[in-house]
């Protein structure tokens, strides 16, 4: 595990440690009680905040593995690593499509599926189910994958590299599938601006998810807007995107941590400072009445 962690870090893939069940290690009490101003990216704790703890420092990675000796090794995906990983799960209908998924570095997962490693295209790519494909997830900005030689907690089979080739660029069809849409085509009327004052999150969770019919497309549109915002409007655009994403969180479509992680990655990809990113995301969620 340590040799693998050092190799991934040297490759430029930030690594961290998960618990035995593929979930992030629980935060320490101070981090658990910290408010929204707590900088998860800069937190000095070894294993708090999930993929925010990911590191390229081999000594820090070694300390993580010592602190969680039975944990699983994970790689933070997205712009942080320059990776988009296609996660194929046959147990949920996932199938390898050779026309869409061309040969690249690949891992046989301990659960009987496949992880296909592709080069990140640059602009943020949302971690989400691949549209129109059962059992296939996109692991990119705001996401992570379990890495070899970890052992699957249920099957007890190891994750292992099966194709020892370089990480290739995505073919055009796959690039289109993981990055569309570039802009929203029609925004639901209840999300348009100006809009009525935000209701409490509990109220907006009702009624079948708040009437948002395509949350994945809406999230992708918000991230695309942040990535392509002109200089001078980047923080304002991130704030607006954070408000829209907060509504998706309030409607129960997104985990708050995953949503904020994807927004933060998009902000960094657009050369925004961590201070501006925290202010924009925190302000957007606060103004929607959605706790972080």
Protein backbone atom coordinates (compact mmCIF):
# COMPACT_ATOMS: atom_id res chain seq x y z
CA UNK A 1 0.00 0.00 0.00
CA UNK A 2 2.78 2.42 0.90
CA UNK A 3 4.70 1.69 -2.30
CA UNK A 4 1.55 2.26 -4.33
CA UNK A 5 0.77 5.50 -2.50
CA UNK A 6 4.26 6.79 -3.18
CA UNK A 7 4.02 5.83 -6.84
CA UNK A 8 0.66 7.58 -7.31
CA UNK A 9 1.91 10.70 -5.53
CA UNK A 10 5.02 10.78 -7.71
CA UNK A 11 2.74 10.50 -10.75
CA UNK A 12 0.86 13.59 -9.58
CA UNK A 13 -2.24 11.82 -8.30
CA UNK A 14 -3.18 13.03 -4.78
CA UNK A 15 -3.85 10.12 -2.42
CA UNK A 16 -5.70 9.71 0.85
CA UNK A 17 -7.10 6.92 3.00
CA UNK A 18 -10.70 5.75 3.32
CA UNK A 19 -12.23 3.67 6.07
CA UNK A 20 -12.79 -0.05 5.64
CA UNK A 21 -16.19 0.49 3.99
CA UNK A 22 -15.04 2.76 1.11
CA UNK A 23 -16.38 5.78 2.96
CA UNK A 24 -14.21 8.69 4.16
CA UNK A 25 -12.73 8.46 7.64
CA UNK A 26 -14.86 10.29 10.21
CA UNK A 27 -13.75 13.81 11.06
CA UNK A 28 -12.11 14.48 14.40
CA UNK A 29 -14.35 16.27 16.97
CA UNK A 30 -12.93 19.77 16.34
CA UNK A 31 -13.39 19.42 12.57
CA UNK A 32 -16.85 17.92 13.04
CA UNK A 33 -17.89 20.93 15.08
CA UNK A 34 -16.14 23.53 12.89
CA UNK A 35 -18.25 26.09 11.07
CA UNK A 36 -18.42 26.92 7.39
CA UNK A 37 -15.33 29.15 7.63
CA UNK A 38 -13.18 26.09 8.37
CA UNK A 39 -10.83 25.58 5.41
CA UNK A 40 -11.07 21.88 4.61
CA UNK A 41 -8.42 22.12 1.91
CA UNK A 42 -5.87 23.68 4.28
CA UNK A 43 -6.80 21.62 7.37
CA UNK A 44 -3.73 20.02 8.92
CA UNK A 45 -5.57 16.88 10.07
CA UNK A 46 -4.34 13.73 8.37
CA UNK A 47 -7.62 12.07 7.51
CA UNK A 48 -10.44 14.61 7.99
CA UNK A 49 -12.67 15.93 5.20
CA UNK A 50 -12.44 13.03 2.77
CA UNK A 51 -10.67 13.83 -0.48
CA UNK A 52 -9.67 17.27 0.80
CA UNK A 53 -7.00 15.40 2.78
CA UNK A 54 -5.46 14.02 -0.42
CA UNK A 55 -1.75 14.72 -0.71
CA UNK A 56 1.26 14.40 -3.01
CA UNK A 57 3.60 14.27 0.00
CA UNK A 58 4.82 10.65 0.40
CA UNK A 59 5.59 11.14 4.09
CA UNK A 60 2.09 12.44 4.76
CA UNK A 61 0.63 9.52 2.81
CA UNK A 62 2.68 7.13 4.93
CA UNK A 63 1.35 8.78 8.09
CA UNK A 64 -2.22 8.34 6.83
CA UNK A 65 -1.69 4.64 6.24
CA UNK A 66 -0.20 4.28 9.71
CA UNK A 67 -3.15 6.11 11.25
CA UNK A 68 -5.71 3.92 9.43
CA UNK A 69 -3.84 0.63 8.95
CA UNK A 70 -6.91 -1.27 7.69
CA UNK A 71 -8.14 1.53 5.45
CA UNK A 72 -8.36 1.65 1.67
CA UNK A 73 -6.07 3.70 -0.53
CA UNK A 74 -7.89 6.27 -2.68
CA UNK A 75 -7.02 8.78 -5.40
CA UNK A 76 -8.69 12.18 -5.66
CA UNK A 77 -9.93 12.58 -9.22
CA UNK A 78 -10.62 15.69 -11.29
CA UNK A 79 -8.36 18.63 -12.03
CA UNK A 80 -6.36 17.92 -8.86
CA UNK A 81 -5.00 14.73 -10.45
CA UNK A 82 -5.62 15.42 -14.11
CA UNK A 83 -7.92 12.39 -14.17
CA UNK A 84 -11.41 11.43 -15.27
CA UNK A 85 -12.20 7.85 -14.27
CA UNK A 86 -15.11 5.92 -15.79
CA UNK A 87 -16.45 3.55 -13.13
CA UNK A 88 -18.29 0.56 -14.68
CA UNK A 89 -20.39 -1.54 -12.29
CA UNK A 90 -21.85 -4.67 -13.96
CA UNK A 91 -23.93 -5.41 -10.85
CA UNK A 92 -26.01 -2.33 -11.70
CA UNK A 93 -26.13 -2.83 -15.45
CA UNK A 94 -22.81 -1.25 -16.39
CA UNK A 95 -21.22 -2.50 -19.59
CA UNK A 96 -17.99 -1.65 -21.38
CA UNK A 97 -18.76 0.10 -24.67
CA UNK A 98 -15.64 -0.15 -26.90
CA UNK A 99 -17.02 2.50 -29.25
CA UNK A 100 -17.29 5.02 -26.41
CA UNK A 101 -14.53 3.86 -24.07
CA UNK A 102 -11.28 3.45 -25.98
CA UNK A 103 -8.27 1.62 -24.47
CA UNK A 104 -6.48 3.38 -21.62
CA UNK A 105 -5.03 2.59 -18.19
CA UNK A 106 -7.54 0.33 -16.44
CA UNK A 107 -8.22 -1.23 -13.04
CA UNK A 108 -10.31 -4.31 -12.26
CA UNK A 109 -12.23 -3.26 -9.18
CA UNK A 110 -12.66 -5.54 -6.20
CA UNK A 111 -16.42 -5.42 -6.77
CA UNK A 112 -16.20 -7.01 -10.22
CA UNK A 113 -16.23 -3.83 -12.28
CA UNK A 114 -13.75 -1.63 -14.10
CA UNK A 115 -12.13 1.76 -13.61
CA UNK A 116 -10.95 3.36 -16.87
CA UNK A 117 -8.46 6.20 -16.31
CA UNK A 118 -8.55 9.06 -18.84
CA UNK A 119 -6.77 12.40 -18.98
CA UNK A 120 -8.79 15.31 -17.62
CA UNK A 121 -9.72 17.79 -20.39
CA UNK A 122 -9.11 20.92 -18.29
CA UNK A 123 -12.49 22.56 -17.60
CA UNK A 124 -14.33 21.02 -14.62
CA UNK A 125 -16.02 17.67 -15.16
CA UNK A 126 -18.74 16.81 -12.67
CA UNK A 127 -18.64 13.52 -10.77
CA UNK A 128 -22.03 12.00 -11.57
CA UNK A 129 -23.72 9.04 -13.25
CA UNK A 130 -22.92 8.95 -16.96
CA UNK A 131 -26.10 10.25 -18.64
CA UNK A 132 -28.11 7.52 -20.33
CA UNK A 133 -25.92 4.69 -19.03
CA UNK A 134 -26.97 2.40 -16.21
CA UNK A 135 -24.23 1.30 -13.85
CA UNK A 136 -21.61 3.75 -15.10
CA UNK A 137 -20.35 6.70 -13.05
CA UNK A 138 -17.99 9.53 -13.90
CA UNK A 139 -15.39 10.11 -11.17
CA UNK A 140 -13.85 13.51 -11.75
CA UNK A 141 -14.08 16.89 -9.98
CA UNK A 142 -15.52 16.44 -6.51
CA UNK A 143 -14.85 12.70 -6.56
CA UNK A 144 -12.41 9.87 -5.87
CA UNK A 145 -11.74 6.22 -6.67
CA UNK A 146 -10.46 3.34 -4.58
CA UNK A 147 -6.99 2.45 -5.85
CA UNK A 148 -4.95 -0.76 -6.12
CA UNK A 149 -3.87 -2.69 -4.12
CA UNK A 150 -6.82 -2.02 -1.78
CA UNK A 151 -9.12 -4.93 -0.97
CA UNK A 152 -12.87 -4.64 -1.53
CA UNK A 153 -14.65 -4.72 1.86
CA UNK A 154 -17.38 -7.14 0.72
CA UNK A 155 -15.86 -9.40 -1.92
CA UNK A 156 -12.39 -9.35 -0.29
CA UNK A 157 -10.89 -9.24 -3.78
CA UNK A 158 -8.09 -6.76 -4.52
CA UNK A 159 -8.26 -3.83 -6.89
CA UNK A 160 -5.61 -4.48 -9.52
CA UNK A 161 -4.19 -2.86 -12.62
CA UNK A 162 -5.10 -4.87 -15.73
CA UNK A 163 -3.89 -2.57 -18.50
CA UNK A 164 -0.45 -1.11 -17.81
CA UNK A 165 -0.53 1.56 -20.46
CA UNK A 166 -0.51 5.33 -20.23
CA UNK A 167 -3.54 7.39 -19.31
CA UNK A 168 -5.03 8.32 -22.68
CA UNK A 169 -7.18 11.24 -23.73
CA UNK A 170 -10.90 10.62 -23.92
CA UNK A 171 -12.28 9.97 -27.40
CA UNK A 172 -14.58 12.74 -28.67
CA UNK A 173 -17.79 10.83 -27.99
CA UNK A 174 -16.86 10.15 -24.37
CA UNK A 175 -15.65 13.74 -23.89
CA UNK A 176 -19.05 14.95 -25.10
CA UNK A 177 -20.88 12.54 -22.79
CA UNK A 178 -19.04 13.59 -19.63
CA UNK A 179 -19.00 17.34 -20.28
CA UNK A 180 -22.41 18.17 -21.69
CA UNK A 181 -24.25 20.45 -21.44
CA UNK A 182 -22.05 23.50 -21.89
CA UNK A 183 -24.91 25.80 -20.91
CA UNK A 184 -28.45 25.35 -19.60
CA UNK A 185 -31.04 25.21 -22.36
CA UNK A 186 -34.04 25.89 -20.19
CA UNK A 187 -34.00 26.71 -16.53
CA UNK A 188 -37.02 25.73 -14.43
CA UNK A 189 -39.11 28.76 -13.62
CA UNK A 190 -38.64 28.35 -9.88
CA UNK A 191 -34.86 28.66 -10.37
CA UNK A 192 -34.95 31.78 -12.51
CA UNK A 193 -33.88 35.14 -11.15
CA UNK A 194 -35.36 37.17 -9.61
CA UNK A 195 -36.88 34.55 -7.32
CA UNK A 196 -38.82 34.57 -4.04
CA UNK A 197 -36.98 34.43 -0.72
CA UNK A 198 -35.46 31.06 0.03
CA UNK A 199 -37.60 28.66 2.03
CA UNK A 200 -36.13 26.44 4.71
CA UNK A 201 -34.36 23.42 3.24
CA UNK A 202 -36.89 21.04 4.76
CA UNK A 203 -39.69 22.74 2.81
CA UNK A 204 -37.81 22.61 -0.46
CA UNK A 205 -37.06 18.91 -0.06
CA UNK A 206 -40.70 18.04 -0.50
CA UNK A 207 -42.75 17.59 -3.64
CA UNK A 208 -40.59 15.04 -5.42
CA UNK A 209 -37.21 16.74 -5.18
CA UNK A 210 -38.35 20.33 -5.69
CA UNK A 211 -39.46 19.74 -9.29
CA UNK A 212 -35.90 19.69 -10.67
CA UNK A 213 -36.16 17.24 -13.54
CA UNK A 214 -32.49 17.16 -14.65
CA UNK A 215 -30.26 17.97 -11.65
CA UNK A 216 -27.17 16.46 -13.30
CA UNK A 217 -27.50 18.71 -16.34
CA UNK A 218 -28.16 21.73 -14.17
CA UNK A 219 -25.10 21.01 -12.03
CA UNK A 220 -22.94 20.58 -15.13
CA UNK A 221 -24.22 23.90 -16.46
CA UNK A 222 -23.29 25.68 -13.22
CA UNK A 223 -19.76 24.25 -13.31
CA UNK A 224 -19.40 25.16 -16.97
CA UNK A 225 -20.42 28.75 -16.20
CA UNK A 226 -17.72 28.98 -13.52
CA UNK A 227 -15.09 27.49 -15.82
CA UNK A 228 -15.84 29.93 -18.64
CA UNK A 229 -16.52 33.11 -16.64
CA UNK A 230 -14.56 36.12 -17.94
CA UNK A 231 -11.94 37.75 -15.74
CA UNK A 232 -13.57 40.29 -13.47
CA UNK A 233 -16.75 38.23 -13.08
CA UNK A 234 -15.34 34.93 -11.85
CA UNK A 235 -16.18 35.34 -8.17
CA UNK A 236 -19.66 36.68 -8.98
CA UNK A 237 -20.26 33.75 -11.31
CA UNK A 238 -19.09 31.27 -8.67
CA UNK A 239 -21.40 32.88 -6.11
CA UNK A 240 -24.35 32.54 -8.51
CA UNK A 241 -23.43 28.94 -9.27
CA UNK A 242 -23.17 28.23 -5.52
CA UNK A 243 -26.72 29.51 -5.03
CA UNK A 244 -27.98 27.24 -7.80
CA UNK A 245 -26.07 24.26 -6.45
CA UNK A 246 -27.36 24.99 -2.94
CA UNK A 247 -30.90 24.58 -4.29
CA UNK A 248 -29.95 21.18 -5.66
CA UNK A 249 -28.56 20.23 -2.24
CA UNK A 250 -31.71 21.48 -0.53
CA UNK A 251 -33.84 19.41 -2.92
CA UNK A 252 -31.88 16.31 -1.93
CA UNK A 253 -30.12 15.78 -5.27
CA UNK A 254 -26.56 16.34 -4.05
CA UNK A 255 -24.46 15.71 -0.96
CA UNK A 256 -23.28 19.07 0.46
CA UNK A 257 -19.66 17.96 0.67
CA UNK A 258 -19.58 16.64 -2.90
CA UNK A 259 -21.32 19.78 -4.19
CA UNK A 260 -18.89 22.13 -2.46
CA UNK A 261 -15.93 20.04 -3.58
CA UNK A 262 -16.99 20.27 -7.22
CA UNK A 263 -17.58 24.03 -6.94
CA UNK A 264 -14.20 24.55 -5.27
CA UNK A 265 -12.42 22.53 -7.97
CA UNK A 266 -14.18 24.60 -10.64
CA UNK A 267 -13.11 27.80 -8.92
CA UNK A 268 -9.48 26.71 -8.70
CA UNK A 269 -9.52 25.65 -12.34
CA UNK A 270 -10.61 29.23 -13.12
CA UNK A 271 -7.62 30.61 -11.16
CA UNK A 272 -9.65 31.88 -8.19
CA UNK A 273 -8.03 32.08 -4.77
CA UNK A 274 -9.10 29.75 -1.99
CA UNK A 275 -10.25 32.76 0.02
CA UNK A 276 -12.52 33.97 -2.78
CA UNK A 277 -13.79 30.45 -3.37
CA UNK A 278 -14.74 29.98 0.29
CA UNK A 279 -16.45 33.35 0.39
CA UNK A 280 -18.42 32.76 -2.81
CA UNK A 281 -19.56 29.24 -1.92
CA UNK A 282 -20.31 30.08 1.71
CA UNK A 283 -22.22 33.19 0.69
CA UNK A 284 -24.23 31.37 -1.94
CA UNK A 285 -25.28 28.59 0.42
CA UNK A 286 -25.98 31.07 3.23
CA UNK A 287 -28.19 33.24 1.02
CA UNK A 288 -30.18 30.17 -0.01
CA UNK A 289 -30.65 29.20 3.62
CA UNK A 290 -28.79 25.89 3.10
CA UNK A 291 -26.33 24.88 5.85
CA UNK A 292 -22.92 23.52 4.93
